[in-house]
Amino acid sequence: MDKQQIAERYKTIQDSICSALEVLDGGATFAEELWQREGGGGGRTRIIQQGNVIERGGVNFSAVHGVLPEPVKKAFTVRDEEFFATGVSIVIHPHNPFVPIIHMNIRYFELNENIRWFGGGIDLTPHYVQLGDASFFHQALKAVCDRYSPVFYPDFKAHADRYFFIKHRQETRGIGGVFYDRLTPEKTGVAWSDIFEFSCALGNEFVPIYAELVNRNRDKAFTEQHKQWQYLRRGRYVEFNLVYDAGTKFGLETNGRIESILMSLPPQAQWVYDFKPSPGSDEAFTLSMLRQGVDWLTY
């Protein structure tokens, strides 16, 4: 398994996702910016904006290498300095408050033959939790996971619940999904080739999953109240990404491209002092479901 082959496969996944999202949106197309990283490597940043469905979205590919900064070496508890990292990262912020925000990341990291791993996942952040959509989303992820290991979905779902948790708010960012890190054959009992294929399968499942959720909700009518709530939920998204997200921190600490790193932020967000939803409202229901350990498969 060669790191350049991994990178090329991930580039192909980026291409197919961008093409499919343009068709799904039906209005906007991606603008591409090629960039080089000072220190080694580079990437392709692709942004789509002001479409029929997508207000702003990014589908980014990168393959970078160079000297690993000291803070990252300490975080990874390694001594090696030369690293290679490649992956695809996606965040989509829709216009309609009933269409959810979605995030995906698949990545490979390597220091040497003995220190290398895969990471990534998909998670969903609905502005309004809709139980049928949540169940569909988790059923689809479980189906992908089960093709490779019966423990992948329960383990990765629990990891997502822990990871996408806004500690200072005591609420999850959304309804989770699957999240995994440092996958190796030693850790999983799954061969390197199958771990790689799993990461690609997850990437290839992104569009079918999101297209179903978009098409269920894209034509729903919404009010200004719905939009204001959407902006509040986007604010929570921003808080998580800037305070807790490991990918954001890694990108900043390895001298990554700032515009590509922060493409995950929405075009507009809002913070209202001490906001409390009306009892019994859809907003109150959504907040009640933003907690760890929910079995979304049962809805």
C-alpha atoms as a PDB file:
ATOM      1  CA  MET A   1       0.000   0.000   0.000  1.00  0.00           C
ATOM      2  CA  ASP A   2       1.778   3.099  -1.284  1.00  0.00           C
ATOM      3  CA  LYS A   3       1.036   6.567   0.082  1.00  0.00           C
ATOM      4  CA  GLN A   4       0.940   8.103  -3.395  1.00  0.00           C
ATOM      5  CA  GLN A   5      -1.635   5.540  -4.513  1.00  0.00           C
ATOM      6  CA  ILE A   6      -3.734   6.450  -1.487  1.00  0.00           C
ATOM      7  CA  ALA A   7      -3.503  10.129  -2.401  1.00  0.00           C
ATOM      8  CA  GLU A   8      -4.511   9.474  -6.024  1.00  0.00           C
ATOM      9  CA  ARG A   9      -7.536   7.456  -4.931  1.00  0.00           C
ATOM     10  CA  TYR A  10      -8.598  10.253  -2.620  1.00  0.00           C
ATOM     11  CA  LYS A  11      -8.288  12.747  -5.479  1.00  0.00           C
ATOM     12  CA  THR A  12     -10.633  10.581  -7.536  1.00  0.00           C
ATOM     13  CA  ILE A  13     -13.131  10.594  -4.666  1.00  0.00           C
ATOM     14  CA  GLN A  14     -12.922  14.387  -4.504  1.00  0.00           C
ATOM     15  CA  ASP A  15     -13.650  14.584  -8.241  1.00  0.00           C
ATOM     16  CA  SER A  16     -16.675  12.301  -8.092  1.00  0.00           C
ATOM     17  CA  ILE A  17     -18.166  14.061  -5.052  1.00  0.00           C
ATOM     18  CA  CYS A  18     -17.814  17.504  -6.624  1.00  0.00           C
ATOM     19  CA  SER A  19     -19.467  16.393  -9.862  1.00  0.00           C
ATOM     20  CA  ALA A  20     -22.361  14.774  -7.992  1.00  0.00           C
ATOM     21  CA  LEU A  21     -22.894  17.764  -5.696  1.00  0.00           C
ATOM     22  CA  GLU A  22     -23.126  20.112  -8.679  1.00  0.00           C
ATOM     23  CA  VAL A  23     -25.866  17.921 -10.114  1.00  0.00           C
ATOM     24  CA  LEU A  24     -27.636  17.745  -6.748  1.00  0.00           C
ATOM     25  CA  ASP A  25     -27.535  21.519  -6.326  1.00  0.00           C
ATOM     26  CA  GLY A  26     -28.618  22.210  -9.891  1.00  0.00           C
ATOM     27  CA  GLY A  27     -27.393  25.786  -9.896  1.00  0.00           C
ATOM     28  CA  ALA A  28     -23.852  26.444  -8.707  1.00  0.00           C
ATOM     29  CA  THR A  29     -20.519  24.955  -9.683  1.00  0.00           C
ATOM     30  CA  PHE A  30     -17.261  24.550  -7.803  1.00  0.00           C
ATOM     31  CA  ALA A  31     -14.416  27.026  -8.095  1.00  0.00           C
ATOM     32  CA  GLU A  32     -11.004  25.410  -7.709  1.00  0.00           C
ATOM     33  CA  GLU A  33      -7.833  26.844  -6.246  1.00  0.00           C
ATOM     34  CA  LEU A  34      -4.578  24.925  -6.406  1.00  0.00           C
ATOM     35  CA  TRP A  35      -2.135  25.676  -3.619  1.00  0.00           C
ATOM     36  CA  GLN A  36       1.323  24.704  -2.440  1.00  0.00           C
ATOM     37  CA  ARG A  37       2.315  24.334   1.182  1.00  0.00           C
ATOM     38  CA  GLU A  38       5.506  25.979   2.338  1.00  0.00           C
ATOM     39  CA  GLY A  39       7.484  23.006   3.594  1.00  0.00           C
ATOM     40  CA  GLY A  40       6.090  20.417   1.202  1.00  0.00           C
ATOM     41  CA  GLY A  41       3.025  19.311  -0.703  1.00  0.00           C
ATOM     42  CA  GLY A  42      -0.194  21.103  -1.472  1.00  0.00           C
ATOM     43  CA  GLY A  43      -3.786  20.563  -2.425  1.00  0.00           C
ATOM     44  CA  ARG A  44      -6.944  21.416  -4.322  1.00  0.00           C
ATOM     45  CA  THR A  45      -9.497  23.601  -2.568  1.00  0.00           C
ATOM     46  CA  ARG A  46     -12.929  23.544  -4.190  1.00  0.00           C
ATOM     47  CA  ILE A  47     -15.679  25.875  -3.020  1.00  0.00           C
ATOM     48  CA  ILE A  48     -19.323  26.049  -4.109  1.00  0.00           C
ATOM     49  CA  GLN A  49     -21.467  29.019  -3.085  1.00  0.00           C
ATOM     50  CA  GLN A  50     -24.950  30.500  -3.448  1.00  0.00           C
ATOM     51  CA  GLY A  51     -26.467  27.562  -5.237  1.00  0.00           C
ATOM     52  CA  ASN A  52     -30.044  26.347  -5.211  1.00  0.00           C
ATOM     53  CA  VAL A  53     -29.390  24.144  -2.172  1.00  0.00           C
ATOM     54  CA  ILE A  54     -25.881  24.889  -0.969  1.00  0.00           C
ATOM     55  CA  GLU A  55     -25.160  28.283   0.546  1.00  0.00           C
ATOM     56  CA  ARG A  56     -21.499  27.414   0.979  1.00  0.00           C
ATOM     57  CA  GLY A  57     -19.639  24.156   0.727  1.00  0.00           C
ATOM     58  CA  GLY A  58     -16.087  22.972   0.423  1.00  0.00           C
ATOM     59  CA  VAL A  59     -14.630  19.717  -0.885  1.00  0.00           C
ATOM     60  CA  ASN A  60     -10.902  19.815  -0.274  1.00  0.00           C
ATOM     61  CA  PHE A  61      -8.050  17.468  -1.105  1.00  0.00           C
ATOM     62  CA  SER A  62      -4.551  17.773   0.301  1.00  0.00           C
ATOM     63  CA  ALA A  63      -1.335  15.767   0.286  1.00  0.00           C
ATOM     64  CA  VAL A  64       1.323  17.428   2.440  1.00  0.00           C
ATOM     65  CA  HIS A  65       4.695  16.423   3.816  1.00  0.00           C
ATOM     66  CA  GLY A  66       7.620  17.901   5.675  1.00  0.00           C
ATOM     67  CA  VAL A  67       8.909  18.354   9.189  1.00  0.00           C
ATOM     68  CA  LEU A  68       6.409  17.635  11.939  1.00  0.00           C
ATOM     69  CA  PRO A  69       6.168  20.598  14.367  1.00  0.00           C
ATOM     70  CA  GLU A  70       7.071  20.013  18.018  1.00  0.00           C
ATOM     71  CA  PRO A  71       3.516  20.509  19.367  1.00  0.00           C
ATOM     72  CA  VAL A  72       2.237  17.822  16.993  1.00  0.00           C
ATOM     73  CA  LYS A  73       5.095  15.454  17.847  1.00  0.00           C
ATOM     74  CA  LYS A  74       4.196  15.792  21.514  1.00  0.00           C
ATOM     75  CA  ALA A  75       0.488  15.267  20.813  1.00  0.00           C
ATOM     76  CA  PHE A  76       1.247  12.131  18.781  1.00  0.00           C
ATOM     77  CA  THR A  77       3.985  11.010  21.257  1.00  0.00           C
ATOM     78  CA  VAL A  78       6.471  10.407  18.434  1.00  0.00           C
ATOM     79  CA  ARG A  79      10.076  11.405  17.766  1.00  0.00           C
ATOM     80  CA  ASP A  80      10.167  11.112  13.981  1.00  0.00           C
ATOM     81  CA  GLU A  81      10.106  14.400  12.126  1.00  0.00           C
ATOM     82  CA  GLU A  82       9.264  13.687   8.473  1.00  0.00           C
ATOM     83  CA  PHE A  83       5.536  13.189   7.964  1.00  0.00           C
ATOM     84  CA  PHE A  84       3.097  12.619   5.107  1.00  0.00           C
ATOM     85  CA  ALA A  85      -0.630  13.289   5.330  1.00  0.00           C
ATOM     86  CA  THR A  86      -3.345  13.125   2.703  1.00  0.00           C
ATOM     87  CA  GLY A  87      -7.106  13.283   2.775  1.00  0.00           C
ATOM     88  CA  VAL A  88     -10.408  14.684   1.625  1.00  0.00           C
ATOM     89  CA  SER A  89     -12.399  17.047   3.836  1.00  0.00           C
ATOM     90  CA  ILE A  90     -15.967  18.222   3.211  1.00  0.00           C
ATOM     91  CA  VAL A  91     -18.371  20.616   4.902  1.00  0.00           C
ATOM     92  CA  ILE A  92     -21.712  21.655   3.370  1.00  0.00           C
ATOM     93  CA  HIS A  93     -23.848  24.503   4.742  1.00  0.00           C
ATOM     94  CA  PRO A  94     -27.298  24.567   3.054  1.00  0.00           C
ATOM     95  CA  HIS A  95     -29.742  27.444   2.570  1.00  0.00           C
ATOM     96  CA  ASN A  96     -32.830  25.675   3.882  1.00  0.00           C
ATOM     97  CA  PRO A  97     -32.879  25.244   7.697  1.00  0.00           C
ATOM     98  CA  PHE A  98     -34.499  21.813   7.274  1.00  0.00           C
ATOM     99  CA  VAL A  99     -31.545  20.530   5.240  1.00  0.00           C
ATOM    100  CA  PRO A 100     -28.737  19.505   7.624  1.00  0.00           C
ATOM    101  CA  ILE A 101     -25.101  20.525   7.700  1.00  0.00           C
ATOM    102  CA  ILE A 102     -22.868  17.572   6.838  1.00  0.00           C
ATOM    103  CA  HIS A 103     -19.170  16.961   7.375  1.00  0.00           C
ATOM    104  CA  MET A 104     -16.890  14.220   6.103  1.00  0.00           C
ATOM    105  CA  ASN A 105     -13.187  13.592   6.420  1.00  0.00           C
ATOM    106  CA  ILE A 106     -11.110  10.651   5.231  1.00  0.00           C
ATOM    107  CA  ARG A 107      -7.382  10.807   5.788  1.00  0.00           C
ATOM    108  CA  TYR A 108      -4.102   8.898   5.945  1.00  0.00           C
ATOM    109  CA  PHE A 109      -1.087   9.826   8.063  1.00  0.00           C
ATOM    110  CA  GLU A 110       2.408   8.347   7.908  1.00  0.00           C
ATOM    111  CA  LEU A 111       5.681   8.894   9.723  1.00  0.00           C
ATOM    112  CA  ASN A 112       7.380   5.661   8.754  1.00  0.00           C
ATOM    113  CA  GLU A 113       6.607   2.019   7.973  1.00  0.00           C
ATOM    114  CA  ASN A 114       5.709   1.337  11.594  1.00  0.00           C
ATOM    115  CA  ILE A 115       3.857   4.559  12.446  1.00  0.00           C
ATOM    116  CA  ARG A 116       0.950   5.133  10.095  1.00  0.00           C
ATOM    117  CA  TRP A 117      -2.827   5.092  10.319  1.00  0.00           C
ATOM    118  CA  PHE A 118      -6.174   5.995   8.773  1.00  0.00           C
ATOM    119  CA  GLY A 119      -8.743   8.325  10.299  1.00  0.00           C
ATOM    120  CA  GLY A 120     -11.955  10.094   9.431  1.00  0.00           C
ATOM    121  CA  GLY A 121     -15.716   9.787   9.528  1.00  0.00           C
ATOM    122  CA  ILE A 122     -19.039  11.390   8.610  1.00  0.00           C
ATOM    123  CA  ASP A 123     -21.279  13.332  10.963  1.00  0.00           C
ATOM    124  CA  LEU A 124     -24.548  15.202  10.571  1.00  0.00           C
ATOM    125  CA  THR A 125     -25.615  18.488  12.168  1.00  0.00           C
ATOM    126  CA  PRO A 126     -29.332  19.124  11.637  1.00  0.00           C
ATOM    127  CA  HIS A 127     -30.633  22.556  12.527  1.00  0.00           C
ATOM    128  CA  TYR A 128     -33.863  20.711  13.328  1.00  0.00           C
ATOM    129  CA  VAL A 129     -33.593  17.086  14.460  1.00  0.00           C
ATOM    130  CA  GLN A 130     -35.956  14.925  12.390  1.00  0.00           C
ATOM    131  CA  LEU A 131     -36.049  11.376  13.689  1.00  0.00           C
ATOM    132  CA  GLY A 132     -36.682   9.690  10.351  1.00  0.00           C
ATOM    133  CA  ASP A 133     -33.714  11.452   8.779  1.00  0.00           C
ATOM    134  CA  ALA A 134     -31.516  10.611  11.762  1.00  0.00           C
ATOM    135  CA  SER A 135     -32.432   6.928  11.550  1.00  0.00           C
ATOM    136  CA  PHE A 136     -31.772   6.816   7.786  1.00  0.00           C
ATOM    137  CA  PHE A 137     -28.397   8.481   8.240  1.00  0.00           C
ATOM    138  CA  HIS A 138     -27.208   6.065  10.906  1.00  0.00           C
ATOM    139  CA  GLN A 139     -28.604   3.007   9.126  1.00  0.00           C
ATOM    140  CA  ALA A 140     -26.646   3.981   6.000  1.00  0.00           C
ATOM    141  CA  LEU A 141     -23.404   4.420   7.946  1.00  0.00           C
ATOM    142  CA  LYS A 142     -23.922   1.132   9.763  1.00  0.00           C
ATOM    143  CA  ALA A 143     -24.367  -0.657   6.426  1.00  0.00           C
ATOM    144  CA  VAL A 144     -20.972   0.624   5.223  1.00  0.00           C
ATOM    145  CA  CYS A 145     -19.254  -0.254   8.509  1.00  0.00           C
ATOM    146  CA  ASP A 146     -20.751  -3.745   8.671  1.00  0.00           C
ATOM    147  CA  ARG A 147     -19.161  -4.675   5.344  1.00  0.00           C
ATOM    148  CA  TYR A 148     -15.744  -4.498   7.012  1.00  0.00           C
ATOM    149  CA  SER A 149     -16.247  -5.317  10.694  1.00  0.00           C
ATOM    150  CA  PRO A 150     -19.213  -5.877  13.039  1.00  0.00           C
ATOM    151  CA  VAL A 151     -17.587  -3.672  15.662  1.00  0.00           C
ATOM    152  CA  PHE A 152     -16.907  -0.674  13.418  1.00  0.00           C
ATOM    153  CA  TYR A 153     -20.324   0.973  13.698  1.00  0.00           C
ATOM    154  CA  PRO A 154     -20.831   0.670  17.483  1.00  0.00           C
ATOM    155  CA  ASP A 155     -17.236   1.675  18.200  1.00  0.00           C
ATOM    156  CA  PHE A 156     -17.118   4.541  15.721  1.00  0.00           C
ATOM    157  CA  LYS A 157     -20.594   5.788  16.642  1.00  0.00           C
ATOM    158  CA  ALA A 158     -19.572   5.973  20.312  1.00  0.00           C
ATOM    159  CA  HIS A 159     -16.350   7.742  19.311  1.00  0.00           C
ATOM    160  CA  ALA A 160     -18.346  10.318  17.323  1.00  0.00           C
ATOM    161  CA  ASP A 161     -20.617  10.933  20.309  1.00  0.00           C
ATOM    162  CA  ARG A 162     -17.594  11.638  22.483  1.00  0.00           C
ATOM    163  CA  TYR A 163     -15.698  13.671  19.921  1.00  0.00           C
ATOM    164  CA  PHE A 164     -18.459  15.947  18.585  1.00  0.00           C
ATOM    165  CA  PHE A 165     -19.400  17.169  22.049  1.00  0.00           C
ATOM    166  CA  ILE A 166     -19.359  20.853  22.919  1.00  0.00           C
ATOM    167  CA  LYS A 167     -18.186  20.576  26.512  1.00  0.00           C
ATOM    168  CA  HIS A 168     -18.847  24.178  27.489  1.00  0.00           C
ATOM    169  CA  ARG A 169     -22.445  23.841  26.239  1.00  0.00           C
ATOM    170  CA  GLN A 170     -22.936  20.246  27.428  1.00  0.00           C
ATOM    171  CA  GLU A 171     -24.502  19.333  24.105  1.00  0.00           C
ATOM    172  CA  THR A 172     -23.466  17.408  21.021  1.00  0.00           C
ATOM    173  CA  ARG A 173     -22.787  19.353  17.831  1.00  0.00           C
ATOM    174  CA  GLY A 174     -25.453  17.339  16.029  1.00  0.00           C
ATOM    175  CA  ILE A 175     -26.584  13.722  15.840  1.00  0.00           C
ATOM    176  CA  GLY A 176     -23.075  12.340  15.427  1.00  0.00           C
ATOM    177  CA  GLY A 177     -22.328   9.615  12.928  1.00  0.00           C
ATOM    178  CA  VAL A 178     -19.117   7.612  12.798  1.00  0.00           C
ATOM    179  CA  PHE A 179     -15.665   8.846  13.700  1.00  0.00           C
ATOM    180  CA  TYR A 180     -12.416   6.887  13.877  1.00  0.00           C
ATOM    181  CA  ASP A 181      -8.754   7.651  14.344  1.00  0.00           C
ATOM    182  CA  ARG A 182      -5.414   5.828  14.163  1.00  0.00           C
ATOM    183  CA  LEU A 183      -6.891   2.715  12.558  1.00  0.00           C
ATOM    184  CA  THR A 184      -4.291  -0.006  12.031  1.00  0.00           C
ATOM    185  CA  PRO A 185      -4.451  -3.792  11.578  1.00  0.00           C
ATOM    186  CA  GLU A 186      -3.074  -4.184  15.099  1.00  0.00           C
ATOM    187  CA  LYS A 187      -5.882  -2.069  16.526  1.00  0.00           C
ATOM    188  CA  THR A 188      -8.756  -3.491  14.473  1.00  0.00           C
ATOM    189  CA  GLY A 189      -7.795  -6.981  13.285  1.00  0.00           C
ATOM    190  CA  VAL A 190      -8.543  -5.727   9.753  1.00  0.00           C
ATOM    191  CA  ALA A 191      -5.908  -5.763   7.004  1.00  0.00           C
ATOM    192  CA  TRP A 192      -4.355  -2.522   5.764  1.00  0.00           C
ATOM    193  CA  SER A 193      -5.987  -2.953   2.355  1.00  0.00           C
ATOM    194  CA  ASP A 194      -9.437  -3.371   3.904  1.00  0.00           C
ATOM    195  CA  ILE A 195      -9.011  -0.362   6.189  1.00  0.00           C
ATOM    196  CA  PHE A 196      -8.117   1.679   3.117  1.00  0.00           C
ATOM    197  CA  GLU A 197     -11.097   0.286   1.207  1.00  0.00           C
ATOM    198  CA  PHE A 198     -13.345   1.128   4.152  1.00  0.00           C
ATOM    199  CA  SER A 199     -12.191   4.746   4.086  1.00  0.00           C
ATOM    200  CA  CYS A 200     -12.883   4.909   0.343  1.00  0.00           C
ATOM    201  CA  ALA A 201     -16.291   3.239   0.758  1.00  0.00           C
ATOM    202  CA  LEU A 202     -17.215   5.865   3.326  1.00  0.00           C
ATOM    203  CA  GLY A 203     -16.145   8.587   0.892  1.00  0.00           C
ATOM    204  CA  ASN A 204     -18.147   7.050  -1.928  1.00  0.00           C
ATOM    205  CA  GLU A 205     -21.248   6.796   0.273  1.00  0.00           C
ATOM    206  CA  PHE A 206     -21.213  10.519   1.069  1.00  0.00           C
ATOM    207  CA  VAL A 207     -23.248  11.691  -1.928  1.00  0.00           C
ATOM    208  CA  PRO A 208     -25.975   8.987  -1.829  1.00  0.00           C
ATOM    209  CA  ILE A 209     -26.552   9.691   1.861  1.00  0.00           C
ATOM    210  CA  TYR A 210     -26.590  13.472   1.555  1.00  0.00           C
ATOM    211  CA  ALA A 211     -28.615  13.485  -1.662  1.00  0.00           C
ATOM    212  CA  GLU A 212     -31.385  11.547   0.077  1.00  0.00           C
ATOM    213  CA  LEU A 213     -31.450  13.976   2.992  1.00  0.00           C
ATOM    214  CA  VAL A 214     -31.366  17.010   0.694  1.00  0.00           C
ATOM    215  CA  ASN A 215     -34.172  15.751  -1.522  1.00  0.00           C
ATOM    216  CA  ARG A 216     -36.353  14.968   1.489  1.00  0.00           C
ATOM    217  CA  ASN A 217     -36.110  18.545   2.739  1.00  0.00           C
ATOM    218  CA  ARG A 218     -35.003  20.963   0.022  1.00  0.00           C
ATOM    219  CA  ASP A 219     -38.510  22.167  -0.867  1.00  0.00           C
ATOM    220  CA  LYS A 220     -39.842  22.608   2.659  1.00  0.00           C
ATOM    221  CA  ALA A 221     -41.153  26.091   3.395  1.00  0.00           C
ATOM    222  CA  PHE A 222     -39.431  28.010   6.180  1.00  0.00           C
ATOM    223  CA  THR A 223     -39.903  31.270   8.050  1.00  0.00           C
ATOM    224  CA  GLU A 224     -37.592  33.967   9.367  1.00  0.00           C
ATOM    225  CA  GLN A 225     -37.813  32.285  12.775  1.00  0.00           C
ATOM    226  CA  HIS A 226     -36.436  29.101  11.230  1.00  0.00           C
ATOM    227  CA  LYS A 227     -33.560  31.075   9.686  1.00  0.00           C
ATOM    228  CA  GLN A 228     -32.694  32.748  12.989  1.00  0.00           C
ATOM    229  CA  TRP A 229     -32.531  29.340  14.647  1.00  0.00           C
ATOM    230  CA  GLN A 230     -30.325  28.096  11.811  1.00  0.00           C
ATOM    231  CA  TYR A 231     -27.902  30.947  12.476  1.00  0.00           C
ATOM    232  CA  LEU A 232     -27.800  30.039  16.181  1.00  0.00           C
ATOM    233  CA  ARG A 233     -27.029  26.400  15.386  1.00  0.00           C
ATOM    234  CA  ARG A 234     -24.310  27.516  12.988  1.00  0.00           C
ATOM    235  CA  GLY A 235     -22.831  29.459  15.882  1.00  0.00           C
ATOM    236  CA  ARG A 236     -22.517  26.232  17.846  1.00  0.00           C
ATOM    237  CA  TYR A 237     -20.813  24.684  14.809  1.00  0.00           C
ATOM    238  CA  VAL A 238     -18.275  27.509  14.780  1.00  0.00           C
ATOM    239  CA  GLU A 239     -17.622  27.135  18.510  1.00  0.00           C
ATOM    240  CA  PHE A 240     -16.809  23.450  18.155  1.00  0.00           C
ATOM    241  CA  ASN A 241     -14.559  23.862  15.131  1.00  0.00           C
ATOM    242  CA  LEU A 242     -12.506  26.694  16.620  1.00  0.00           C
ATOM    243  CA  VAL A 243     -12.251  25.338  20.168  1.00  0.00           C
ATOM    244  CA  TYR A 244     -12.116  21.539  19.868  1.00  0.00           C
ATOM    245  CA  ASP A 245     -11.636  20.283  16.317  1.00  0.00           C
ATOM    246  CA  ALA A 246      -8.386  18.331  15.969  1.00  0.00           C
ATOM    247  CA  GLY A 247      -8.215  18.785  12.197  1.00  0.00           C
ATOM    248  CA  THR A 248      -8.358  22.552  12.535  1.00  0.00           C
ATOM    249  CA  LYS A 249      -5.589  22.485  15.133  1.00  0.00           C
ATOM    250  CA  PHE A 250      -3.428  20.133  13.035  1.00  0.00           C
ATOM    251  CA  GLY A 251      -3.820  22.333   9.961  1.00  0.00           C
ATOM    252  CA  LEU A 252      -2.863  25.479  11.831  1.00  0.00           C
ATOM    253  CA  GLU A 253       0.094  23.855  13.615  1.00  0.00           C
ATOM    254  CA  THR A 254       1.521  22.381  10.400  1.00  0.00           C
ATOM    255  CA  ASN A 255       1.381  25.696   8.543  1.00  0.00           C
ATOM    256  CA  GLY A 256      -1.607  24.667   6.452  1.00  0.00           C
ATOM    257  CA  ARG A 257      -3.495  26.964   4.137  1.00  0.00           C
ATOM    258  CA  ILE A 258      -5.770  29.124   6.281  1.00  0.00           C
ATOM    259  CA  GLU A 259      -8.578  29.531   3.731  1.00  0.00           C
ATOM    260  CA  SER A 260      -8.763  25.773   3.228  1.00  0.00           C
ATOM    261  CA  ILE A 261      -8.722  25.069   6.962  1.00  0.00           C
ATOM    262  CA  LEU A 262     -11.462  27.569   7.773  1.00  0.00           C
ATOM    263  CA  MET A 263     -13.701  26.716   4.820  1.00  0.00           C
ATOM    264  CA  SER A 264     -15.691  24.669   7.366  1.00  0.00           C
ATOM    265  CA  LEU A 265     -17.152  27.856   8.825  1.00  0.00           C
ATOM    266  CA  PRO A 266     -20.600  29.008   7.633  1.00  0.00           C
ATOM    267  CA  PRO A 267     -21.063  32.241   5.685  1.00  0.00           C
ATOM    268  CA  GLN A 268     -23.330  33.614   8.421  1.00  0.00           C
ATOM    269  CA  ALA A 269     -23.824  32.656  12.067  1.00  0.00           C
ATOM    270  CA  GLN A 270     -25.341  34.296  15.118  1.00  0.00           C
ATOM    271  CA  TRP A 271     -25.051  34.428  18.883  1.00  0.00           C
ATOM    272  CA  VAL A 272     -27.983  35.583  21.029  1.00  0.00           C
ATOM    273  CA  TYR A 273     -27.387  36.223  24.705  1.00  0.00           C
ATOM    274  CA  ASP A 274     -28.907  33.508  26.920  1.00  0.00           C
ATOM    275  CA  PHE A 275     -31.306  32.260  24.252  1.00  0.00           C
ATOM    276  CA  LYS A 276     -33.921  29.770  25.472  1.00  0.00           C
ATOM    277  CA  PRO A 277     -36.403  28.125  23.087  1.00  0.00           C
ATOM    278  CA  SER A 278     -40.106  28.097  23.867  1.00  0.00           C
ATOM    279  CA  PRO A 279     -41.212  24.977  25.764  1.00  0.00           C
ATOM    280  CA  GLY A 280     -42.680  22.379  23.436  1.00  0.00           C
ATOM    281  CA  SER A 281     -41.230  24.000  20.306  1.00  0.00           C
ATOM    282  CA  ASP A 282     -39.301  22.244  17.535  1.00  0.00           C
ATOM    283  CA  GLU A 283     -36.237  24.132  18.700  1.00  0.00           C
ATOM    284  CA  ALA A 284     -36.657  22.811  22.260  1.00  0.00           C
ATOM    285  CA  PHE A 285     -37.076  19.267  20.922  1.00  0.00           C
ATOM    286  CA  THR A 286     -33.877  19.592  18.910  1.00  0.00           C
ATOM    287  CA  LEU A 287     -31.932  20.693  21.988  1.00  0.00           C
ATOM    288  CA  SER A 288     -33.355  17.775  23.983  1.00  0.00           C
ATOM    289  CA  MET A 289     -31.918  15.321  21.424  1.00  0.00           C
ATOM    290  CA  LEU A 290     -28.414  16.813  21.288  1.00  0.00           C
ATOM    291  CA  ARG A 291     -26.902  14.384  23.770  1.00  0.00           C
ATOM    292  CA  GLN A 292     -24.556  11.449  23.781  1.00  0.00           C
ATOM    293  CA  GLY A 293     -25.685   7.847  23.594  1.00  0.00           C
ATOM    294  CA  VAL A 294     -28.884   8.208  21.574  1.00  0.00           C
ATOM    295  CA  ASP A 295     -29.690   5.016  19.628  1.00  0.00           C
ATOM    296  CA  TRP A 296     -30.767   6.635  16.378  1.00  0.00           C
ATOM    297  CA  LEU A 297     -31.294   3.250  14.721  1.00  0.00           C
ATOM    298  CA  THR A 298     -34.473   2.702  16.727  1.00  0.00           C
ATOM    299  CA  TYR A 299     -36.415   5.649  15.272  1.00  0.00           C
END
